[in-house]
């Protein structure tokens, strides 16, 4: 009988790895180095620019350690975050992760707006 795969769903792992990466303010290459892999492996785990593959328990443990998060981060109910994170860290997980995500979104919007302006100048449309 094959072993049971009890890892969280790859889609949920991808979301949580992206959040952990934003929280720790790490590039894909920095996070990849933390688990002894390349940045393209992080893309596979997070589903960015690659087919989503999930992550092994060892990879998740290394990511959690490098990002300063509890290992349980990858499957715990986020409403229970205070129960798995030290009291002085739980609020910071939401605040830093949220602000990093907002900053990344702002950068993406600015980059897209600049790209549209460039295309508009030279476009035939």
N, C-alpha and C. Protein backbone atom coordinates (compact mmCIF):
# COMPACT_ATOMS: atom_id res chain seq x y z
N UNK A 1 0.85 -1.17 0.00
CA UNK A 1 0.00 0.00 0.00
C UNK A 1 0.90 1.24 0.00
N UNK A 2 0.62 2.23 -0.88
CA UNK A 2 1.45 3.44 -0.93
C UNK A 2 1.25 4.28 0.33
N UNK A 3 2.30 5.03 0.73
CA UNK A 3 2.15 5.88 1.92
C UNK A 3 1.12 6.98 1.69
N UNK A 4 0.46 7.37 2.75
CA UNK A 4 -0.54 8.43 2.68
C UNK A 4 0.18 9.78 2.64
N UNK A 5 -0.21 10.62 1.71
CA UNK A 5 0.37 11.97 1.61
C UNK A 5 -0.49 12.89 2.46
N UNK A 6 0.01 13.25 3.63
CA UNK A 6 -0.78 14.07 4.54
C UNK A 6 -0.37 15.53 4.52
N UNK A 7 0.38 15.93 3.49
CA UNK A 7 0.75 17.34 3.38
C UNK A 7 -0.48 18.17 3.04
N UNK A 8 -0.46 19.46 3.41
CA UNK A 8 -1.57 20.35 3.01
C UNK A 8 -1.66 20.41 1.48
N UNK A 9 -2.81 20.82 0.98
CA UNK A 9 -3.01 20.95 -0.47
C UNK A 9 -1.96 21.89 -1.07
N UNK A 10 -1.44 21.57 -2.26
CA UNK A 10 -0.42 22.43 -2.88
C UNK A 10 -0.85 23.89 -3.04
N UNK A 11 -2.12 24.13 -3.33
CA UNK A 11 -2.60 25.50 -3.50
C UNK A 11 -2.49 26.28 -2.19
N UNK A 12 -2.83 25.63 -1.08
CA UNK A 12 -2.74 26.28 0.23
C UNK A 12 -1.28 26.47 0.63
N UNK A 13 -0.45 25.47 0.35
CA UNK A 13 0.99 25.60 0.63
C UNK A 13 1.55 26.78 -0.16
N UNK A 14 1.17 26.89 -1.42
CA UNK A 14 1.67 27.99 -2.27
C UNK A 14 1.30 29.34 -1.66
N UNK A 15 0.05 29.49 -1.23
CA UNK A 15 -0.38 30.75 -0.61
C UNK A 15 0.43 31.05 0.65
N UNK A 16 0.63 30.04 1.45
CA UNK A 16 1.32 30.26 2.73
C UNK A 16 2.82 30.48 2.53
N UNK A 17 3.41 29.84 1.54
CA UNK A 17 4.83 30.09 1.26
C UNK A 17 5.00 31.51 0.74
N UNK A 18 4.09 31.95 -0.15
CA UNK A 18 4.17 33.34 -0.63
C UNK A 18 4.04 34.33 0.53
N UNK A 19 3.12 34.05 1.46
CA UNK A 19 2.94 34.93 2.62
C UNK A 19 4.19 34.91 3.51
N UNK A 20 4.76 33.73 3.72
CA UNK A 20 5.98 33.63 4.54
C UNK A 20 7.13 34.38 3.88
N UNK A 21 7.23 34.24 2.57
CA UNK A 21 8.28 34.93 1.81
C UNK A 21 8.13 36.45 1.93
N UNK A 22 6.90 36.94 1.81
CA UNK A 22 6.64 38.38 1.94
C UNK A 22 6.94 38.84 3.37
N UNK A 23 6.53 38.04 4.34
CA UNK A 23 6.77 38.38 5.74
C UNK A 23 8.26 38.53 6.03
N UNK A 24 9.06 37.61 5.48
CA UNK A 24 10.50 37.63 5.72
C UNK A 24 11.25 38.56 4.76
N UNK A 25 10.52 39.11 3.79
CA UNK A 25 11.11 40.00 2.78
C UNK A 25 12.28 39.34 2.07
N UNK A 26 12.04 38.13 1.58
CA UNK A 26 13.07 37.37 0.89
C UNK A 26 12.75 37.26 -0.59
N UNK A 27 13.78 37.30 -1.42
CA UNK A 27 13.60 37.04 -2.85
C UNK A 27 13.44 35.54 -3.03
N UNK A 28 13.03 35.15 -4.22
CA UNK A 28 12.88 33.72 -4.49
C UNK A 28 14.23 33.02 -4.39
N UNK A 29 15.30 33.69 -4.82
CA UNK A 29 16.64 33.08 -4.75
C UNK A 29 17.11 32.94 -3.31
N UNK A 30 16.83 33.94 -2.47
CA UNK A 30 17.21 33.85 -1.05
C UNK A 30 16.45 32.73 -0.35
N UNK A 31 15.16 32.62 -0.65
CA UNK A 31 14.37 31.56 -0.03
C UNK A 31 14.81 30.20 -0.56
N UNK A 32 15.10 30.12 -1.85
CA UNK A 32 15.59 28.87 -2.43
C UNK A 32 16.89 28.43 -1.78
N UNK A 33 17.81 29.38 -1.59
CA UNK A 33 19.09 29.06 -0.95
C UNK A 33 18.88 28.53 0.47
N UNK A 34 17.85 29.03 1.15
CA UNK A 34 17.57 28.60 2.52
C UNK A 34 17.19 27.13 2.59
N UNK A 35 16.64 26.60 1.50
CA UNK A 35 16.26 25.19 1.50
C UNK A 35 17.20 24.36 0.63
N UNK A 36 18.30 24.99 0.21
CA UNK A 36 19.29 24.26 -0.59
C UNK A 36 18.85 24.00 -2.01
N UNK A 37 17.98 24.86 -2.53
CA UNK A 37 17.48 24.71 -3.90
C UNK A 37 17.60 26.04 -4.62
N UNK A 38 17.23 26.05 -5.89
CA UNK A 38 17.28 27.28 -6.67
C UNK A 38 15.98 28.08 -6.52
N UNK A 39 16.02 29.32 -6.97
CA UNK A 39 14.82 30.14 -6.97
C UNK A 39 13.72 29.56 -7.82
N UNK A 40 14.08 28.82 -8.87
CA UNK A 40 13.04 28.23 -9.73
C UNK A 40 12.24 27.17 -8.98
N UNK A 41 12.85 26.52 -7.99
CA UNK A 41 12.10 25.57 -7.16
C UNK A 41 11.06 26.30 -6.33
N UNK A 42 11.41 27.49 -5.84
CA UNK A 42 10.43 28.31 -5.11
C UNK A 42 9.28 28.67 -6.05
N UNK A 43 9.59 28.98 -7.30
CA UNK A 43 8.53 29.26 -8.28
C UNK A 43 7.62 28.06 -8.45
N UNK A 44 8.17 26.85 -8.44
CA UNK A 44 7.35 25.64 -8.56
C UNK A 44 6.48 25.45 -7.32
N UNK A 45 7.03 25.73 -6.15
CA UNK A 45 6.28 25.57 -4.91
C UNK A 45 5.15 26.60 -4.83
N UNK A 46 5.43 27.83 -5.26
CA UNK A 46 4.43 28.91 -5.15
C UNK A 46 3.54 29.02 -6.38
N UNK A 47 3.87 28.30 -7.44
CA UNK A 47 3.06 28.36 -8.65
C UNK A 47 3.33 29.57 -9.52
N UNK A 48 4.40 30.30 -9.24
CA UNK A 48 4.77 31.46 -10.05
C UNK A 48 5.63 30.99 -11.22
N UNK A 49 5.24 31.32 -12.40
CA UNK A 49 6.02 31.02 -13.60
C UNK A 49 6.37 29.55 -13.75
N UNK A 50 5.66 28.69 -13.10
CA UNK A 50 5.94 27.26 -13.20
C UNK A 50 4.70 26.48 -12.76
N UNK A 51 4.69 25.20 -13.08
CA UNK A 51 3.59 24.35 -12.64
C UNK A 51 3.71 24.11 -11.14
N UNK A 52 2.62 24.23 -10.45
CA UNK A 52 2.56 24.06 -9.00
C UNK A 52 2.91 22.61 -8.64
N UNK A 53 3.85 22.42 -7.72
CA UNK A 53 4.25 21.06 -7.36
C UNK A 53 4.10 20.73 -5.88
N UNK A 54 3.80 21.73 -5.06
CA UNK A 54 3.76 21.48 -3.63
C UNK A 54 5.16 21.49 -3.05
N UNK A 55 5.29 21.09 -1.80
CA UNK A 55 6.59 21.09 -1.14
C UNK A 55 6.67 19.90 -0.20
N UNK A 56 7.88 19.41 0.01
CA UNK A 56 8.08 18.32 0.96
C UNK A 56 8.04 18.88 2.38
N UNK A 57 7.89 17.97 3.35
CA UNK A 57 7.91 18.40 4.74
C UNK A 57 9.25 19.05 5.07
N UNK A 58 10.33 18.51 4.53
CA UNK A 58 11.67 19.06 4.79
C UNK A 58 11.78 20.48 4.25
N UNK A 59 11.25 20.69 3.04
CA UNK A 59 11.27 22.04 2.45
C UNK A 59 10.44 23.01 3.28
N UNK A 60 9.27 22.57 3.71
CA UNK A 60 8.41 23.44 4.52
C UNK A 60 9.07 23.79 5.85
N UNK A 61 9.73 22.82 6.46
CA UNK A 61 10.41 23.07 7.73
C UNK A 61 11.53 24.10 7.54
N UNK A 62 12.31 23.96 6.46
CA UNK A 62 13.40 24.90 6.19
C UNK A 62 12.87 26.29 5.87
N UNK A 63 11.77 26.36 5.11
CA UNK A 63 11.17 27.66 4.78
C UNK A 63 10.67 28.34 6.05
N UNK A 64 9.97 27.59 6.89
CA UNK A 64 9.47 28.16 8.15
C UNK A 64 10.61 28.69 9.00
N UNK A 65 11.67 27.90 9.12
CA UNK A 65 12.82 28.32 9.94
C UNK A 65 13.45 29.59 9.39
N UNK A 66 13.67 29.64 8.07
CA UNK A 66 14.32 30.81 7.46
C UNK A 66 13.45 32.05 7.56
N UNK A 67 12.13 31.87 7.49
CA UNK A 67 11.20 33.01 7.53
C UNK A 67 10.83 33.42 8.95
N UNK A 68 11.31 32.67 9.93
CA UNK A 68 11.01 33.01 11.32
C UNK A 68 9.58 32.71 11.73
N UNK A 69 9.01 31.68 11.11
CA UNK A 69 7.63 31.30 11.41
C UNK A 69 7.60 29.91 12.03
N UNK A 70 6.56 29.61 12.79
CA UNK A 70 6.43 28.25 13.31
C UNK A 70 6.13 27.29 12.16
N UNK A 71 6.62 26.07 12.26
CA UNK A 71 6.39 25.06 11.23
C UNK A 71 4.89 24.86 10.98
N UNK A 72 4.08 25.00 12.04
CA UNK A 72 2.63 24.81 11.93
C UNK A 72 1.97 25.84 11.03
N UNK A 73 2.68 26.90 10.69
CA UNK A 73 2.15 27.95 9.82
C UNK A 73 1.53 27.38 8.55
N UNK A 74 2.09 26.28 8.04
CA UNK A 74 1.68 25.76 6.74
C UNK A 74 0.36 25.00 6.77
N UNK A 75 -0.15 24.66 7.93
CA UNK A 75 -1.44 23.96 7.97
C UNK A 75 -2.38 24.46 9.06
N UNK A 76 -1.92 25.32 9.94
CA UNK A 76 -2.76 25.78 11.06
C UNK A 76 -3.88 26.70 10.58
N UNK A 77 -4.98 26.65 11.29
CA UNK A 77 -6.08 27.58 11.07
C UNK A 77 -5.56 28.98 11.44
N UNK A 78 -5.61 29.91 10.50
CA UNK A 78 -5.05 31.23 10.74
C UNK A 78 -5.75 31.98 11.87
N UNK A 79 -6.97 31.59 12.20
CA UNK A 79 -7.64 32.19 13.35
C UNK A 79 -6.95 31.79 14.65
N UNK A 80 -6.14 30.73 14.60
CA UNK A 80 -5.42 30.26 15.77
C UNK A 80 -3.96 30.70 15.76
N UNK A 81 -3.61 31.66 14.94
CA UNK A 81 -2.22 32.06 14.80
C UNK A 81 -1.59 32.43 16.14
N UNK A 82 -2.34 33.10 16.98
CA UNK A 82 -1.82 33.46 18.30
C UNK A 82 -1.45 32.26 19.14
N UNK A 83 -2.08 31.11 18.88
CA UNK A 83 -1.79 29.91 19.66
C UNK A 83 -0.50 29.23 19.20
N UNK A 84 -0.09 29.45 17.96
CA UNK A 84 1.11 28.78 17.48
C UNK A 84 2.32 29.71 17.41
N UNK A 85 2.09 31.01 17.45
CA UNK A 85 3.19 31.98 17.39
C UNK A 85 3.39 32.58 18.78
N UNK A 86 4.61 32.94 19.11
CA UNK A 86 4.83 33.62 20.38
C UNK A 86 3.97 34.88 20.46
N UNK A 87 3.52 35.23 21.66
CA UNK A 87 2.63 36.38 21.84
C UNK A 87 3.16 37.66 21.21
N UNK A 88 4.46 37.87 21.31
CA UNK A 88 5.02 39.11 20.77
C UNK A 88 5.17 39.09 19.25
N UNK A 89 4.97 37.93 18.61
CA UNK A 89 5.15 37.82 17.17
C UNK A 89 3.83 37.76 16.40
N UNK A 90 2.77 37.23 16.99
CA UNK A 90 1.53 37.00 16.25
C UNK A 90 1.01 38.25 15.55
N UNK A 91 0.88 39.41 16.23
CA UNK A 91 0.40 40.59 15.52
C UNK A 91 1.34 41.01 14.39
N UNK A 92 2.64 40.84 14.60
CA UNK A 92 3.61 41.24 13.57
C UNK A 92 3.46 40.39 12.32
N UNK A 93 3.06 39.13 12.48
CA UNK A 93 2.89 38.28 11.30
C UNK A 93 1.87 38.87 10.35
N UNK A 94 0.79 39.39 10.91
CA UNK A 94 -0.24 39.98 10.07
C UNK A 94 0.19 41.34 9.54
N UNK A 95 0.76 42.17 10.40
CA UNK A 95 1.12 43.54 10.02
C UNK A 95 2.22 43.53 8.97
N UNK A 96 3.34 42.83 9.24
CA UNK A 96 4.46 42.82 8.30
C UNK A 96 4.07 42.11 7.01
N UNK A 97 3.38 40.99 7.11
CA UNK A 97 2.96 40.27 5.91
C UNK A 97 2.02 41.10 5.06
N UNK A 98 1.09 41.78 5.71
CA UNK A 98 0.12 42.61 5.00
C UNK A 98 0.82 43.79 4.32
N UNK A 99 1.70 44.48 5.04
CA UNK A 99 2.36 45.65 4.45
C UNK A 99 3.30 45.22 3.32
N UNK A 100 3.97 44.08 3.47
CA UNK A 100 4.83 43.59 2.39
C UNK A 100 4.00 43.24 1.16
N UNK A 101 2.83 42.65 1.38
CA UNK A 101 1.96 42.31 0.25
C UNK A 101 1.44 43.57 -0.43
N UNK A 102 1.07 44.58 0.36
CA UNK A 102 0.59 45.85 -0.21
C UNK A 102 1.71 46.53 -0.99
N UNK A 103 2.92 46.54 -0.44
CA UNK A 103 4.07 47.13 -1.15
C UNK A 103 4.31 46.42 -2.48
N UNK A 104 4.27 45.09 -2.47
CA UNK A 104 4.48 44.33 -3.70
C UNK A 104 3.40 44.64 -4.72
N UNK A 105 2.16 44.76 -4.26
CA UNK A 105 1.06 45.09 -5.16
C UNK A 105 1.24 46.48 -5.75
N UNK A 106 1.62 47.45 -4.91
CA UNK A 106 1.87 48.81 -5.41
C UNK A 106 2.97 48.82 -6.46
N UNK A 107 4.06 48.08 -6.22
CA UNK A 107 5.14 48.01 -7.19
C UNK A 107 4.67 47.40 -8.51
N UNK A 108 3.86 46.35 -8.42
CA UNK A 108 3.36 45.70 -9.62
C UNK A 108 2.44 46.63 -10.41
N UNK A 109 1.58 47.36 -9.71
CA UNK A 109 0.68 48.31 -10.37
C UNK A 109 1.48 49.42 -11.04
N UNK A 110 2.49 49.95 -10.34
CA UNK A 110 3.33 51.00 -10.91
C UNK A 110 4.07 50.50 -12.13
N UNK A 111 4.61 49.30 -12.04
CA UNK A 111 5.34 48.73 -13.18
C UNK A 111 4.40 48.52 -14.36
N UNK A 112 3.20 48.02 -14.09
CA UNK A 112 2.23 47.80 -15.17
C UNK A 112 1.80 49.12 -15.79
N UNK A 113 1.61 50.15 -14.98
CA UNK A 113 1.21 51.47 -15.50
C UNK A 113 2.32 52.03 -16.38
N UNK A 114 3.57 51.89 -15.95
CA UNK A 114 4.69 52.36 -16.76
C UNK A 114 4.79 51.60 -18.06
N UNK A 115 4.52 50.32 -18.04
CA UNK A 115 4.56 49.50 -19.23
C UNK A 115 3.46 49.93 -20.19
N UNK A 116 2.27 50.21 -19.67
CA UNK A 116 1.17 50.65 -20.53
C UNK A 116 1.48 51.99 -21.17
N UNK A 117 2.08 52.91 -20.41
CA UNK A 117 2.44 54.21 -20.98
C UNK A 117 3.45 54.05 -22.10
N UNK A 118 4.45 53.17 -21.90
CA UNK A 118 5.44 52.95 -22.93
C UNK A 118 4.80 52.37 -24.18
N UNK A 119 3.92 51.42 -24.01
CA UNK A 119 3.25 50.81 -25.16
C UNK A 119 2.38 51.83 -25.88
N UNK A 120 1.74 52.71 -25.12
CA UNK A 120 0.84 53.69 -25.72
C UNK A 120 1.62 54.65 -26.62
N UNK A 121 2.82 55.03 -26.22
CA UNK A 121 3.61 55.96 -27.03
C UNK A 121 3.96 55.39 -28.39
N UNK A 122 4.37 54.16 -28.42
CA UNK A 122 4.82 53.58 -29.67
C UNK A 122 3.82 52.65 -30.32
N UNK A 123 2.63 52.56 -29.76
CA UNK A 123 1.69 51.59 -30.31
C UNK A 123 0.99 52.12 -31.56
N UNK A 124 0.53 51.21 -32.35
CA UNK A 124 -0.18 51.56 -33.59
C UNK A 124 -1.65 51.82 -33.29
N UNK A 125 -2.15 51.25 -32.21
CA UNK A 125 -3.57 51.40 -31.86
C UNK A 125 -3.97 52.79 -31.66
